[in-house]
């Protein structure tokens, strides 16, 4: 695995599109490998806290623990059943969907394509 400095040196050494694509993809593969390491570290910290019955811990390098969510998400498993059992809920959802579609149609003449973005694949 090359260091970031080695990758930059290789890129600056040739400065061609071909070299840039190779360096870009190599850097991306390293990033993916580091993501796997991060996930393993999360699992390790989670297990250590669970074993000690802790919700959070401060360390000399940072903190770990569980968040305290303040916003709620719709339970998409129970909502359809609730709409079947309560016609008022289904009516509210239907009105919302109609209004959402009407808004989308009204906004259509005012939409524009996004700016092109340079890519490497």
PDB file of N, CA and C in Angstrom:
ATOM      1  N   UNK A   1       0.853  -1.176   0.000  1.00  0.00           N
ATOM      2  CA  UNK A   1       0.000   0.000   0.000  1.00  0.00           C
ATOM      3  C   UNK A   1       0.896   1.236   0.000  1.00  0.00           C
ATOM      4  N   UNK A   2       0.658   2.113  -0.943  1.00  0.00           N
ATOM      5  CA  UNK A   2       1.464   3.325  -1.059  1.00  0.00           C
ATOM      6  C   UNK A   2       0.953   4.399  -0.108  1.00  0.00           C
ATOM      7  N   UNK A   3       1.849   5.285   0.289  1.00  0.00           N
ATOM      8  CA  UNK A   3       1.457   6.413   1.128  1.00  0.00           C
ATOM      9  C   UNK A   3       0.803   7.479   0.250  1.00  0.00           C
ATOM     10  N   UNK A   4       0.047   8.387   0.858  1.00  0.00           N
ATOM     11  CA  UNK A   4      -0.521   9.486   0.073  1.00  0.00           C
ATOM     12  C   UNK A   4       0.561  10.284  -0.665  1.00  0.00           C
ATOM     13  N   UNK A   5       1.710  10.464  -0.030  1.00  0.00           N
ATOM     14  CA  UNK A   5       2.794  11.209  -0.668  1.00  0.00           C
ATOM     15  C   UNK A   5       3.304  10.474  -1.909  1.00  0.00           C
ATOM     16  N   UNK A   6       3.400   9.143  -1.824  1.00  0.00           N
ATOM     17  CA  UNK A   6       3.845   8.359  -2.978  1.00  0.00           C
ATOM     18  C   UNK A   6       2.842   8.456  -4.130  1.00  0.00           C
ATOM     19  N   UNK A   7       1.565   8.408  -3.793  1.00  0.00           N
ATOM     20  CA  UNK A   7       0.542   8.531  -4.834  1.00  0.00           C
ATOM     21  C   UNK A   7       0.605   9.903  -5.503  1.00  0.00           C
ATOM     22  N   UNK A   8       0.737  10.955  -4.686  1.00  0.00           N
ATOM     23  CA  UNK A   8       0.832  12.308  -5.251  1.00  0.00           C
ATOM     24  C   UNK A   8       2.085  12.464  -6.109  1.00  0.00           C
ATOM     25  N   UNK A   9       3.184  11.895  -5.653  1.00  0.00           N
ATOM     26  CA  UNK A   9       4.428  11.983  -6.426  1.00  0.00           C
ATOM     27  C   UNK A   9       4.264  11.291  -7.777  1.00  0.00           C
ATOM     28  N   UNK A  10       3.618  10.125  -7.780  1.00  0.00           N
ATOM     29  CA  UNK A  10       3.386   9.410  -9.040  1.00  0.00           C
ATOM     30  C   UNK A  10       2.488  10.227  -9.961  1.00  0.00           C
ATOM     31  N   UNK A  11       1.473  10.862  -9.390  1.00  0.00           N
ATOM     32  CA  UNK A  11       0.562  11.684 -10.181  1.00  0.00           C
ATOM     33  C   UNK A  11       1.289  12.888 -10.776  1.00  0.00           C
ATOM     34  N   UNK A  12       2.058  13.569  -9.957  1.00  0.00           N
ATOM     35  CA  UNK A  12       2.769  14.763 -10.420  1.00  0.00           C
ATOM     36  C   UNK A  12       3.921  14.403 -11.357  1.00  0.00           C
ATOM     37  N   UNK A  13       4.389  13.175 -11.277  1.00  0.00           N
ATOM     38  CA  UNK A  13       5.488  12.748 -12.133  1.00  0.00           C
ATOM     39  C   UNK A  13       5.108  12.683 -13.598  1.00  0.00           C
ATOM     40  N   UNK A  14       3.864  12.352 -13.881  1.00  0.00           N
ATOM     41  CA  UNK A  14       3.451  12.219 -15.283  1.00  0.00           C
ATOM     42  C   UNK A  14       2.361  13.195 -15.691  1.00  0.00           C
ATOM     43  N   UNK A  15       1.425  13.459 -14.803  1.00  0.00           N
ATOM     44  CA  UNK A  15       0.324  14.395 -15.054  1.00  0.00           C
ATOM     45  C   UNK A  15      -0.419  14.105 -16.354  1.00  0.00           C
ATOM     46  N   UNK A  16      -0.782  12.843 -16.544  1.00  0.00           N
ATOM     47  CA  UNK A  16      -1.599  12.466 -17.700  1.00  0.00           C
ATOM     48  C   UNK A  16      -2.926  11.925 -17.191  1.00  0.00           C
ATOM     49  N   UNK A  17      -3.915  11.911 -18.061  1.00  0.00           N
ATOM     50  CA  UNK A  17      -5.222  11.376 -17.680  1.00  0.00           C
ATOM     51  C   UNK A  17      -5.100   9.903 -17.308  1.00  0.00           C
ATOM     52  N   UNK A  18      -4.284   9.163 -18.043  1.00  0.00           N
ATOM     53  CA  UNK A  18      -4.119   7.737 -17.763  1.00  0.00           C
ATOM     54  C   UNK A  18      -3.561   7.517 -16.361  1.00  0.00           C
ATOM     55  N   UNK A  19      -2.520   8.277 -16.020  1.00  0.00           N
ATOM     56  CA  UNK A  19      -1.937   8.164 -14.683  1.00  0.00           C
ATOM     57  C   UNK A  19      -2.944   8.605 -13.628  1.00  0.00           C
ATOM     58  N   UNK A  20      -3.670   9.675 -13.910  1.00  0.00           N
ATOM     59  CA  UNK A  20      -4.658  10.180 -12.954  1.00  0.00           C
ATOM     60  C   UNK A  20      -5.725   9.135 -12.659  1.00  0.00           C
ATOM     61  N   UNK A  21      -6.194   8.439 -13.687  1.00  0.00           N
ATOM     62  CA  UNK A  21      -7.215   7.406 -13.484  1.00  0.00           C
ATOM     63  C   UNK A  21      -6.651   6.281 -12.619  1.00  0.00           C
ATOM     64  N   UNK A  22      -5.429   5.857 -12.903  1.00  0.00           N
ATOM     65  CA  UNK A  22      -4.807   4.785 -12.112  1.00  0.00           C
ATOM     66  C   UNK A  22      -4.666   5.208 -10.652  1.00  0.00           C
ATOM     67  N   UNK A  23      -4.159   6.406 -10.418  1.00  0.00           N
ATOM     68  CA  UNK A  23      -3.955   6.898  -9.048  1.00  0.00           C
ATOM     69  C   UNK A  23      -5.294   7.062  -8.340  1.00  0.00           C
ATOM     70  N   UNK A  24      -6.280   7.591  -9.037  1.00  0.00           N
ATOM     71  CA  UNK A  24      -7.612   7.785  -8.460  1.00  0.00           C
ATOM     72  C   UNK A  24      -8.185   6.454  -7.993  1.00  0.00           C
ATOM     73  N   UNK A  25      -8.113   5.454  -8.857  1.00  0.00           N
ATOM     74  CA  UNK A  25      -8.670   4.145  -8.516  1.00  0.00           C
ATOM     75  C   UNK A  25      -7.876   3.476  -7.402  1.00  0.00           C
ATOM     76  N   UNK A  26      -6.571   3.638  -7.414  1.00  0.00           N
ATOM     77  CA  UNK A  26      -5.750   3.051  -6.354  1.00  0.00           C
ATOM     78  C   UNK A  26      -6.080   3.699  -5.013  1.00  0.00           C
ATOM     79  N   UNK A  27      -6.207   5.021  -5.002  1.00  0.00           N
ATOM     80  CA  UNK A  27      -6.571   5.724  -3.770  1.00  0.00           C
ATOM     81  C   UNK A  27      -7.952   5.283  -3.296  1.00  0.00           C
ATOM     82  N   UNK A  28      -8.880   5.086  -4.231  1.00  0.00           N
ATOM     83  CA  UNK A  28     -10.219   4.616  -3.871  1.00  0.00           C
ATOM     84  C   UNK A  28     -10.195   3.231  -3.256  1.00  0.00           C
ATOM     85  N   UNK A  29      -9.328   2.360  -3.759  1.00  0.00           N
ATOM     86  CA  UNK A  29      -9.251   1.013  -3.186  1.00  0.00           C
ATOM     87  C   UNK A  29      -8.703   1.067  -1.768  1.00  0.00           C
ATOM     88  N   UNK A  30      -7.767   1.985  -1.519  1.00  0.00           N
ATOM     89  CA  UNK A  30      -7.247   2.143  -0.161  1.00  0.00           C
ATOM     90  C   UNK A  30      -8.346   2.660   0.764  1.00  0.00           C
ATOM     91  N   UNK A  31      -9.125   3.617   0.263  1.00  0.00           N
ATOM     92  CA  UNK A  31     -10.216   4.163   1.071  1.00  0.00           C
ATOM     93  C   UNK A  31     -11.196   3.061   1.444  1.00  0.00           C
ATOM     94  N   UNK A  32     -11.505   2.180   0.495  1.00  0.00           N
ATOM     95  CA  UNK A  32     -12.403   1.062   0.782  1.00  0.00           C
ATOM     96  C   UNK A  32     -11.835   0.134   1.835  1.00  0.00           C
ATOM     97  N   UNK A  33     -10.540  -0.124   1.760  1.00  0.00           N
ATOM     98  CA  UNK A  33      -9.899  -0.987   2.756  1.00  0.00           C
ATOM     99  C   UNK A  33      -9.966  -0.344   4.136  1.00  0.00           C
ATOM    100  N   UNK A  34      -9.763   0.962   4.193  1.00  0.00           N
ATOM    101  CA  UNK A  34      -9.830   1.649   5.475  1.00  0.00           C
ATOM    102  C   UNK A  34     -11.249   1.668   6.030  1.00  0.00           C
ATOM    103  N   UNK A  35     -12.253   1.724   5.162  1.00  0.00           N
ATOM    104  CA  UNK A  35     -13.645   1.664   5.627  1.00  0.00           C
ATOM    105  C   UNK A  35     -13.907   0.339   6.334  1.00  0.00           C
ATOM    106  N   UNK A  36     -13.370  -0.753   5.786  1.00  0.00           N
ATOM    107  CA  UNK A  36     -13.530  -2.060   6.426  1.00  0.00           C
ATOM    108  C   UNK A  36     -12.868  -2.063   7.798  1.00  0.00           C
ATOM    109  N   UNK A  37     -11.712  -1.434   7.902  1.00  0.00           N
ATOM    110  CA  UNK A  37     -11.019  -1.353   9.190  1.00  0.00           C
ATOM    111  C   UNK A  37     -11.840  -0.525  10.169  1.00  0.00           C
ATOM    112  N   UNK A  38     -12.419   0.576   9.693  1.00  0.00           N
ATOM    113  CA  UNK A  38     -13.265   1.399  10.558  1.00  0.00           C
ATOM    114  C   UNK A  38     -14.462   0.604  11.069  1.00  0.00           C
ATOM    115  N   UNK A  39     -15.088  -0.182  10.197  1.00  0.00           N
ATOM    116  CA  UNK A  39     -16.235  -0.992  10.614  1.00  0.00           C
ATOM    117  C   UNK A  39     -15.819  -2.016  11.663  1.00  0.00           C
ATOM    118  N   UNK A  40     -14.653  -2.619  11.490  1.00  0.00           N
ATOM    119  CA  UNK A  40     -14.152  -3.582  12.472  1.00  0.00           C
ATOM    120  C   UNK A  40     -13.876  -2.891  13.804  1.00  0.00           C
ATOM    121  N   UNK A  41     -13.336  -1.674  13.759  1.00  0.00           N
ATOM    122  CA  UNK A  41     -13.071  -0.921  14.984  1.00  0.00           C
ATOM    123  C   UNK A  41     -14.373  -0.559  15.692  1.00  0.00           C
ATOM    124  N   UNK A  42     -15.402  -0.182  14.934  1.00  0.00           N
ATOM    125  CA  UNK A  42     -16.713   0.098  15.534  1.00  0.00           C
ATOM    126  C   UNK A  42     -17.254  -1.133  16.247  1.00  0.00           C
ATOM    127  N   UNK A  43     -17.167  -2.282  15.589  1.00  0.00           N
ATOM    128  CA  UNK A  43     -17.665  -3.524  16.185  1.00  0.00           C
ATOM    129  C   UNK A  43     -16.888  -3.869  17.447  1.00  0.00           C
ATOM    130  N   UNK A  44     -15.581  -3.669  17.428  1.00  0.00           N
ATOM    131  CA  UNK A  44     -14.742  -3.956  18.589  1.00  0.00           C
ATOM    132  C   UNK A  44     -15.120  -3.061  19.768  1.00  0.00           C
ATOM    133  N   UNK A  45     -15.243  -1.757  19.520  1.00  0.00           N
ATOM    134  CA  UNK A  45     -15.603  -0.817  20.586  1.00  0.00           C
ATOM    135  C   UNK A  45     -16.993  -1.115  21.128  1.00  0.00           C
ATOM    136  N   UNK A  46     -17.933  -1.421  20.231  1.00  0.00           N
ATOM    137  CA  UNK A  46     -19.299  -1.746  20.644  1.00  0.00           C
ATOM    138  C   UNK A  46     -19.297  -2.966  21.559  1.00  0.00           C
ATOM    139  N   UNK A  47     -18.555  -3.998  21.184  1.00  0.00           N
ATOM    140  CA  UNK A  47     -18.493  -5.222  21.985  1.00  0.00           C
ATOM    141  C   UNK A  47     -17.841  -4.957  23.336  1.00  0.00           C
ATOM    142  N   UNK A  48     -16.785  -4.140  23.358  1.00  0.00           N
ATOM    143  CA  UNK A  48     -16.101  -3.833  24.611  1.00  0.00           C
ATOM    144  C   UNK A  48     -17.022  -3.082  25.560  1.00  0.00           C
ATOM    145  N   UNK A  49     -17.762  -2.108  25.038  1.00  0.00           N
ATOM    146  CA  UNK A  49     -18.692  -1.370  25.887  1.00  0.00           C
ATOM    147  C   UNK A  49     -19.820  -2.263  26.375  1.00  0.00           C
ATOM    148  N   UNK A  50     -20.334  -3.119  25.494  1.00  0.00           N
ATOM    149  CA  UNK A  50     -21.414  -4.028  25.889  1.00  0.00           C
ATOM    150  C   UNK A  50     -20.941  -4.978  26.979  1.00  0.00           C
ATOM    151  N   UNK A  51     -19.717  -5.470  26.865  1.00  0.00           N
ATOM    152  CA  UNK A  51     -19.183  -6.397  27.869  1.00  0.00           C
ATOM    153  C   UNK A  51     -19.069  -5.726  29.230  1.00  0.00           C
ATOM    154  N   UNK A  52     -18.772  -4.431  29.228  1.00  0.00           N
ATOM    155  CA  UNK A  52     -18.653  -3.699  30.483  1.00  0.00           C
ATOM    156  C   UNK A  52     -19.937  -3.035  30.924  1.00  0.00           C
ATOM    157  N   UNK A  53     -21.019  -3.206  30.163  1.00  0.00           N
ATOM    158  CA  UNK A  53     -22.296  -2.601  30.516  1.00  0.00           C
ATOM    159  C   UNK A  53     -22.295  -1.083  30.409  1.00  0.00           C
ATOM    160  N   UNK A  54     -21.449  -0.549  29.547  1.00  0.00           N
ATOM    161  CA  UNK A  54     -21.345   0.904  29.398  1.00  0.00           C
ATOM    162  C   UNK A  54     -22.100   1.369  28.156  1.00  0.00           C
ATOM    163  N   UNK A  55     -22.583   2.613  28.212  1.00  0.00           N
ATOM    164  CA  UNK A  55     -23.245   3.210  27.048  1.00  0.00           C
ATOM    165  C   UNK A  55     -22.280   4.098  26.275  1.00  0.00           C
ATOM    166  N   UNK A  56     -21.251   4.610  26.952  1.00  0.00           N
ATOM    167  CA  UNK A  56     -20.267   5.475  26.302  1.00  0.00           C
ATOM    168  C   UNK A  56     -18.975   5.438  27.103  1.00  0.00           C
ATOM    169  N   UNK A  57     -17.893   5.826  26.426  1.00  0.00           N
ATOM    170  CA  UNK A  57     -16.593   5.866  27.093  1.00  0.00           C
ATOM    171  C   UNK A  57     -15.743   6.962  26.457  1.00  0.00           C
ATOM    172  N   UNK A  58     -15.033   7.698  27.323  1.00  0.00           N
ATOM    173  CA  UNK A  58     -14.072   8.696  26.856  1.00  0.00           C
ATOM    174  C   UNK A  58     -12.690   8.063  26.906  1.00  0.00           C
ATOM    175  N   UNK A  59     -11.926   8.273  25.835  1.00  0.00           N
ATOM    176  CA  UNK A  59     -10.555   7.785  25.800  1.00  0.00           C
ATOM    177  C   UNK A  59      -9.629   8.967  25.543  1.00  0.00           C
ATOM    178  N   UNK A  60      -8.341   8.727  25.607  1.00  0.00           N
ATOM    179  CA  UNK A  60      -7.397   9.817  25.351  1.00  0.00           C
ATOM    180  C   UNK A  60      -7.417  10.249  23.887  1.00  0.00           C
ATOM    181  N   UNK A  61      -7.915   9.383  22.998  1.00  0.00           N
ATOM    182  CA  UNK A  61      -7.933   9.704  21.569  1.00  0.00           C
ATOM    183  C   UNK A  61      -9.298  10.132  21.057  1.00  0.00           C
ATOM    184  N   UNK A  62     -10.341   9.943  21.840  1.00  0.00           N
ATOM    185  CA  UNK A  62     -11.692  10.297  21.405  1.00  0.00           C
ATOM    186  C   UNK A  62     -12.723   9.571  22.249  1.00  0.00           C
ATOM    187  N   UNK A  63     -13.946   9.617  21.821  1.00  0.00           N
ATOM    188  CA  UNK A  63     -15.053   9.020  22.561  1.00  0.00           C
ATOM    189  C   UNK A  63     -15.758   7.986  21.707  1.00  0.00           C
ATOM    190  N   UNK A  64     -16.454   7.076  22.366  1.00  0.00           N
ATOM    191  CA  UNK A  64     -17.297   6.123  21.654  1.00  0.00           C
ATOM    192  C   UNK A  64     -18.536   5.880  22.495  1.00  0.00           C
ATOM    193  N   UNK A  65     -19.586   5.441  21.855  1.00  0.00           N
ATOM    194  CA  UNK A  65     -20.814   5.154  22.576  1.00  0.00           C
ATOM    195  C   UNK A  65     -22.021   5.277  21.676  1.00  0.00           C
ATOM    196  N   UNK A  66     -23.167   5.161  22.296  1.00  0.00           N
ATOM    197  CA  UNK A  66     -24.435   5.209  21.578  1.00  0.00           C
ATOM    198  C   UNK A  66     -24.964   6.629  21.554  1.00  0.00           C
ATOM    199  N   UNK A  67     -25.539   7.015  20.444  1.00  0.00           N
ATOM    200  CA  UNK A  67     -26.160   8.331  20.328  1.00  0.00           C
ATOM    201  C   UNK A  67     -27.495   8.324  21.063  1.00  0.00           C
ATOM    202  N   UNK A  68     -28.042   9.505  21.257  1.00  0.00           N
ATOM    203  CA  UNK A  68     -29.365   9.655  21.862  1.00  0.00           C
ATOM    204  C   UNK A  68     -30.253  10.363  20.841  1.00  0.00           C
ATOM    205  N   UNK A  69     -30.864   9.600  19.931  1.00  0.00           N
ATOM    206  CA  UNK A  69     -31.680  10.224  18.881  1.00  0.00           C
ATOM    207  C   UNK A  69     -32.812  11.066  19.465  1.00  0.00           C
ATOM    208  N   UNK A  70     -33.036  12.207  18.831  1.00  0.00           N
ATOM    209  CA  UNK A  70     -34.110  13.096  19.265  1.00  0.00           C
ATOM    210  C   UNK A  70     -35.239  13.163  18.242  1.00  0.00           C
ATOM    211  N   UNK A  71     -34.964  12.754  17.013  1.00  0.00           N
ATOM    212  CA  UNK A  71     -36.013  12.764  15.992  1.00  0.00           C
ATOM    213  C   UNK A  71     -36.541  11.350  15.796  1.00  0.00           C
ATOM    214  N   UNK A  72     -37.756  11.282  15.325  1.00  0.00           N
ATOM    215  CA  UNK A  72     -38.406   9.989  15.149  1.00  0.00           C
ATOM    216  C   UNK A  72     -38.524   9.661  13.666  1.00  0.00           C
ATOM    217  N   UNK A  73     -38.426   8.378  13.336  1.00  0.00           N
ATOM    218  CA  UNK A  73     -38.625   7.895  11.972  1.00  0.00           C
ATOM    219  C   UNK A  73     -39.921   7.104  11.919  1.00  0.00           C
ATOM    220  N   UNK A  74     -40.584   7.178  10.780  1.00  0.00           N
ATOM    221  CA  UNK A  74     -41.811   6.419  10.583  1.00  0.00           C
ATOM    222  C   UNK A  74     -41.503   4.929  10.580  1.00  0.00           C
ATOM    223  N   UNK A  75     -42.282   4.167  11.323  1.00  0.00           N
ATOM    224  CA  UNK A  75     -42.151   2.706  11.314  1.00  0.00           C
ATOM    225  C   UNK A  75     -42.874   2.205  10.074  1.00  0.00           C
ATOM    226  N   UNK A  76     -42.120   1.911   9.034  1.00  0.00           N
ATOM    227  CA  UNK A  76     -42.704   1.546   7.745  1.00  0.00           C
ATOM    228  C   UNK A  76     -43.314   0.155   7.751  1.00  0.00           C
ATOM    229  N   UNK A  77     -43.120  -0.582   8.822  1.00  0.00           N
ATOM    230  CA  UNK A  77     -43.754  -1.896   8.936  1.00  0.00           C
ATOM    231  C   UNK A  77     -45.175  -1.779   9.487  1.00  0.00           C
ATOM    232  N   UNK A  78     -45.400  -0.840  10.399  1.00  0.00           N
ATOM    233  CA  UNK A  78     -46.722  -0.722  11.028  1.00  0.00           C
ATOM    234  C   UNK A  78     -47.624   0.316  10.354  1.00  0.00           C
ATOM    235  N   UNK A  79     -47.036   1.273   9.617  1.00  0.00           N
ATOM    236  CA  UNK A  79     -47.840   2.334   9.005  1.00  0.00           C
ATOM    237  C   UNK A  79     -48.894   1.804   8.035  1.00  0.00           C
ATOM    238  N   UNK A  80     -48.568   0.900   7.106  1.00  0.00           N
ATOM    239  CA  UNK A  80     -49.605   0.414   6.181  1.00  0.00           C
ATOM    240  C   UNK A  80     -50.785  -0.242   6.906  1.00  0.00           C
ATOM    241  N   UNK A  81     -50.491  -0.984   7.943  1.00  0.00           N
ATOM    242  CA  UNK A  81     -51.559  -1.622   8.720  1.00  0.00           C
ATOM    243  C   UNK A  81     -52.421  -0.563   9.405  1.00  0.00           C
ATOM    244  N   UNK A  82     -51.786   0.475   9.935  1.00  0.00           N
ATOM    245  CA  UNK A  82     -52.530   1.557  10.585  1.00  0.00           C
ATOM    246  C   UNK A  82     -53.442   2.257   9.581  1.00  0.00           C
ATOM    247  N   UNK A  83     -52.973   2.441   8.345  1.00  0.00           N
ATOM    248  CA  UNK A  83     -53.796   3.075   7.306  1.00  0.00           C
ATOM    249  C   UNK A  83     -54.985   2.200   6.934  1.00  0.00           C
ATOM    250  N   UNK A  84     -54.797   0.887   6.951  1.00  0.00           N
ATOM    251  CA  UNK A  84     -55.907  -0.025   6.656  1.00  0.00           C
ATOM    252  C   UNK A  84     -56.953   0.015   7.761  1.00  0.00           C
ATOM    253  N   UNK A  85     -56.500   0.151   8.983  1.00  0.00           N
ATOM    254  CA  UNK A  85     -57.416   0.140  10.121  1.00  0.00           C
ATOM    255  C   UNK A  85     -58.084   1.488  10.350  1.00  0.00           C
ATOM    256  N   UNK A  86     -57.448   2.573   9.924  1.00  0.00           N
ATOM    257  CA  UNK A  86     -57.978   3.907  10.172  1.00  0.00           C
ATOM    258  C   UNK A  86     -58.063   4.672   8.848  1.00  0.00           C
ATOM    259  N   UNK A  87     -59.270   4.791   8.286  1.00  0.00           N
ATOM    260  CA  UNK A  87     -59.436   5.479   7.000  1.00  0.00           C
ATOM    261  C   UNK A  87     -58.975   6.938   7.020  1.00  0.00           C
ATOM    262  N   UNK A  88     -59.030   7.574   8.180  1.00  0.00           N
ATOM    263  CA  UNK A  88     -58.572   8.967   8.263  1.00  0.00           C
ATOM    264  C   UNK A  88     -57.076   9.076   7.957  1.00  0.00           C
ATOM    265  N   UNK A  89     -56.303   8.120   8.450  1.00  0.00           N
ATOM    266  CA  UNK A  89     -54.868   8.120   8.169  1.00  0.00           C
ATOM    267  C   UNK A  89     -54.615   7.925   6.679  1.00  0.00           C
ATOM    268  N   UNK A  90     -55.346   6.998   6.087  1.00  0.00           N
ATOM    269  CA  UNK A  90     -55.198   6.738   4.654  1.00  0.00           C
ATOM    270  C   UNK A  90     -55.583   7.975   3.848  1.00  0.00           C
ATOM    271  N   UNK A  91     -56.618   8.693   4.275  1.00  0.00           N
ATOM    272  CA  UNK A  91     -57.054   9.901   3.569  1.00  0.00           C
ATOM    273  C   UNK A  91     -55.996  11.000   3.659  1.00  0.00           C
ATOM    274  N   UNK A  92     -55.402  11.154   4.825  1.00  0.00           N
ATOM    275  CA  UNK A  92     -54.353  12.164   4.994  1.00  0.00           C
ATOM    276  C   UNK A  92     -53.163  11.837   4.095  1.00  0.00           C
ATOM    277  N   UNK A  93     -52.773  10.568   4.070  1.00  0.00           N
ATOM    278  CA  UNK A  93     -51.653  10.169   3.222  1.00  0.00           C
ATOM    279  C   UNK A  93     -51.993  10.377   1.740  1.00  0.00           C
ATOM    280  N   UNK A  94     -53.211  10.032   1.352  1.00  0.00           N
ATOM    281  CA  UNK A  94     -53.635  10.222  -0.037  1.00  0.00           C
ATOM    282  C   UNK A  94     -53.621  11.686  -0.435  1.00  0.00           C
ATOM    283  N   UNK A  95     -54.113  12.557   0.446  1.00  0.00           N
ATOM    284  CA  UNK A  95     -54.116  13.996   0.166  1.00  0.00           C
ATOM    285  C   UNK A  95     -52.684  14.516   0.028  1.00  0.00           C
ATOM    286  N   UNK A  96     -51.812  14.021   0.883  1.00  0.00           N
ATOM    287  CA  UNK A  96     -50.410  14.433   0.806  1.00  0.00           C
ATOM    288  C   UNK A  96     -49.790  14.013  -0.521  1.00  0.00           C
ATOM    289  N   UNK A  97     -50.022  12.782  -0.930  1.00  0.00           N
ATOM    290  CA  UNK A  97     -49.449  12.287  -2.180  1.00  0.00           C
ATOM    291  C   UNK A  97     -49.970  13.071  -3.382  1.00  0.00           C
ATOM    292  N   UNK A  98     -51.266  13.423  -3.360  1.00  0.00           N
ATOM    293  CA  UNK A  98     -51.830  14.231  -4.448  1.00  0.00           C
ATOM    294  C   UNK A  98     -51.206  15.622  -4.467  1.00  0.00           C
ATOM    295  N   UNK A  99     -51.071  16.228  -3.294  1.00  0.00           N
ATOM    296  CA  UNK A  99     -50.475  17.561  -3.216  1.00  0.00           C
ATOM    297  C   UNK A  99     -49.007  17.517  -3.649  1.00  0.00           C
ATOM    298  N   UNK A 100     -48.323  16.468  -3.275  1.00  0.00           N
ATOM    299  CA  UNK A 100     -46.920  16.314  -3.660  1.00  0.00           C
ATOM    300  C   UNK A 100     -46.788  16.214  -5.183  1.00  0.00           C
ATOM    301  N   UNK A 101     -47.668  15.450  -5.803  1.00  0.00           N
ATOM    302  CA  UNK A 101     -47.649  15.308  -7.260  1.00  0.00           C
ATOM    303  C   UNK A 101     -48.001  16.631  -7.938  1.00  0.00           C
ATOM    304  N   UNK A 102     -48.996  17.351  -7.401  1.00  0.00           N
ATOM    305  CA  UNK A 102     -49.374  18.646  -7.973  1.00  0.00           C
ATOM    306  C   UNK A 102     -48.218  19.641  -7.872  1.00  0.00           C
ATOM    307  N   UNK A 103     -47.523  19.631  -6.755  1.00  0.00           N
ATOM    308  CA  UNK A 103     -46.374  20.520  -6.585  1.00  0.00           C
ATOM    309  C   UNK A 103     -45.275  20.177  -7.585  1.00  0.00           C
ATOM    310  N   UNK A 104     -45.021  18.902  -7.765  1.00  0.00           N
ATOM    311  CA  UNK A 104     -43.990  18.467  -8.714  1.00  0.00           C
ATOM    312  C   UNK A 104     -44.334  18.937 -10.132  1.00  0.00           C
ATOM    313  N   UNK A 105     -45.587  18.810 -10.507  1.00  0.00           N
ATOM    314  CA  UNK A 105     -46.019  19.253 -11.837  1.00  0.00           C
ATOM    315  C   UNK A 105     -45.907  20.769 -11.976  1.00  0.00           C
ATOM    316  N   UNK A 106     -46.266  21.494 -10.917  1.00  0.00           N
ATOM    317  CA  UNK A 106     -46.184  22.957 -10.962  1.00  0.00           C
ATOM    318  C   UNK A 106     -44.731  23.428 -11.048  1.00  0.00           C
ATOM    319  N   UNK A 107     -43.827  22.697 -10.428  1.00  0.00           N
ATOM    320  CA  UNK A 107     -42.416  23.084 -10.429  1.00  0.00           C
ATOM    321  C   UNK A 107     -41.693  22.668 -11.709  1.00  0.00           C
ATOM    322  N   UNK A 108     -42.268  21.758 -12.473  1.00  0.00           N
ATOM    323  CA  UNK A 108     -41.594  21.203 -13.656  1.00  0.00           C
ATOM    324  C   UNK A 108     -41.042  22.262 -14.606  1.00  0.00           C
ATOM    325  N   UNK A 109     -41.803  23.323 -14.932  1.00  0.00           N
ATOM    326  CA  UNK A 109     -41.244  24.319 -15.861  1.00  0.00           C
ATOM    327  C   UNK A 109     -40.048  25.080 -15.283  1.00  0.00           C
ATOM    328  N   UNK A 110     -39.848  25.000 -13.996  1.00  0.00           N
ATOM    329  CA  UNK A 110     -38.791  25.762 -13.335  1.00  0.00           C
ATOM    330  C   UNK A 110     -37.595  24.896 -12.946  1.00  0.00           C
ATOM    331  N   UNK A 111     -37.569  23.682 -13.438  1.00  0.00           N
ATOM    332  CA  UNK A 111     -36.438  22.805 -13.128  1.00  0.00           C
ATOM    333  C   UNK A 111     -35.354  22.968 -14.184  1.00  0.00           C
ATOM    334  N   UNK A 112     -34.146  22.579 -13.821  1.00  0.00           N
ATOM    335  CA  UNK A 112     -33.026  22.638 -14.758  1.00  0.00           C
ATOM    336  C   UNK A 112     -32.103  21.452 -14.494  1.00  0.00           C
ATOM    337  N   UNK A 113     -31.340  21.133 -15.492  1.00  0.00           N
ATOM    338  CA  UNK A 113     -30.382  20.046 -15.346  1.00  0.00           C
ATOM    339  C   UNK A 113     -29.262  20.477 -14.407  1.00  0.00           C
ATOM    340  N   UNK A 114     -28.718  19.515 -13.697  1.00  0.00           N
ATOM    341  CA  UNK A 114     -27.578  19.800 -12.837  1.00  0.00           C
ATOM    342  C   UNK A 114     -26.360  20.095 -13.704  1.00  0.00           C
ATOM    343  N   UNK A 115     -25.403  20.780 -13.113  1.00  0.00           N
ATOM    344  CA  UNK A 115     -24.158  21.070 -13.811  1.00  0.00           C
ATOM    345  C   UNK A 115     -23.408  19.762 -14.065  1.00  0.00           C
ATOM    346  N   UNK A 116     -22.739  19.645 -15.206  1.00  0.00           N
ATOM    347  CA  UNK A 116     -21.964  18.430 -15.441  1.00  0.00           C
ATOM    348  C   UNK A 116     -20.850  18.307 -14.400  1.00  0.00           C
ATOM    349  N   UNK A 117     -20.521  17.089 -14.075  1.00  0.00           N
ATOM    350  CA  UNK A 117     -19.498  16.814 -13.077  1.00  0.00           C
ATOM    351  C   UNK A 117     -18.443  15.924 -13.715  1.00  0.00           C
ATOM    352  N   UNK A 118     -17.193  16.247 -13.470  1.00  0.00           N
ATOM    353  CA  UNK A 118     -16.112  15.432 -14.013  1.00  0.00           C
ATOM    354  C   UNK A 118     -16.035  14.137 -13.215  1.00  0.00           C
ATOM    355  N   UNK A 119     -15.760  13.046 -13.876  1.00  0.00           N
ATOM    356  CA  UNK A 119     -15.721  11.754 -13.190  1.00  0.00           C
ATOM    357  C   UNK A 119     -14.547  10.918 -13.653  1.00  0.00           C
ATOM    358  N   UNK A 120     -14.202   9.977 -12.813  1.00  0.00           N
ATOM    359  CA  UNK A 120     -13.268   8.902 -13.158  1.00  0.00           C
ATOM    360  C   UNK A 120     -13.942   7.624 -12.711  1.00  0.00           C
ATOM    361  N   UNK A 121     -14.028   6.665 -13.620  1.00  0.00           N
ATOM    362  CA  UNK A 121     -14.644   5.376 -13.280  1.00  0.00           C
ATOM    363  C   UNK A 121     -13.679   4.269 -13.576  1.00  0.00           C
TER     364      UNK A 121
END
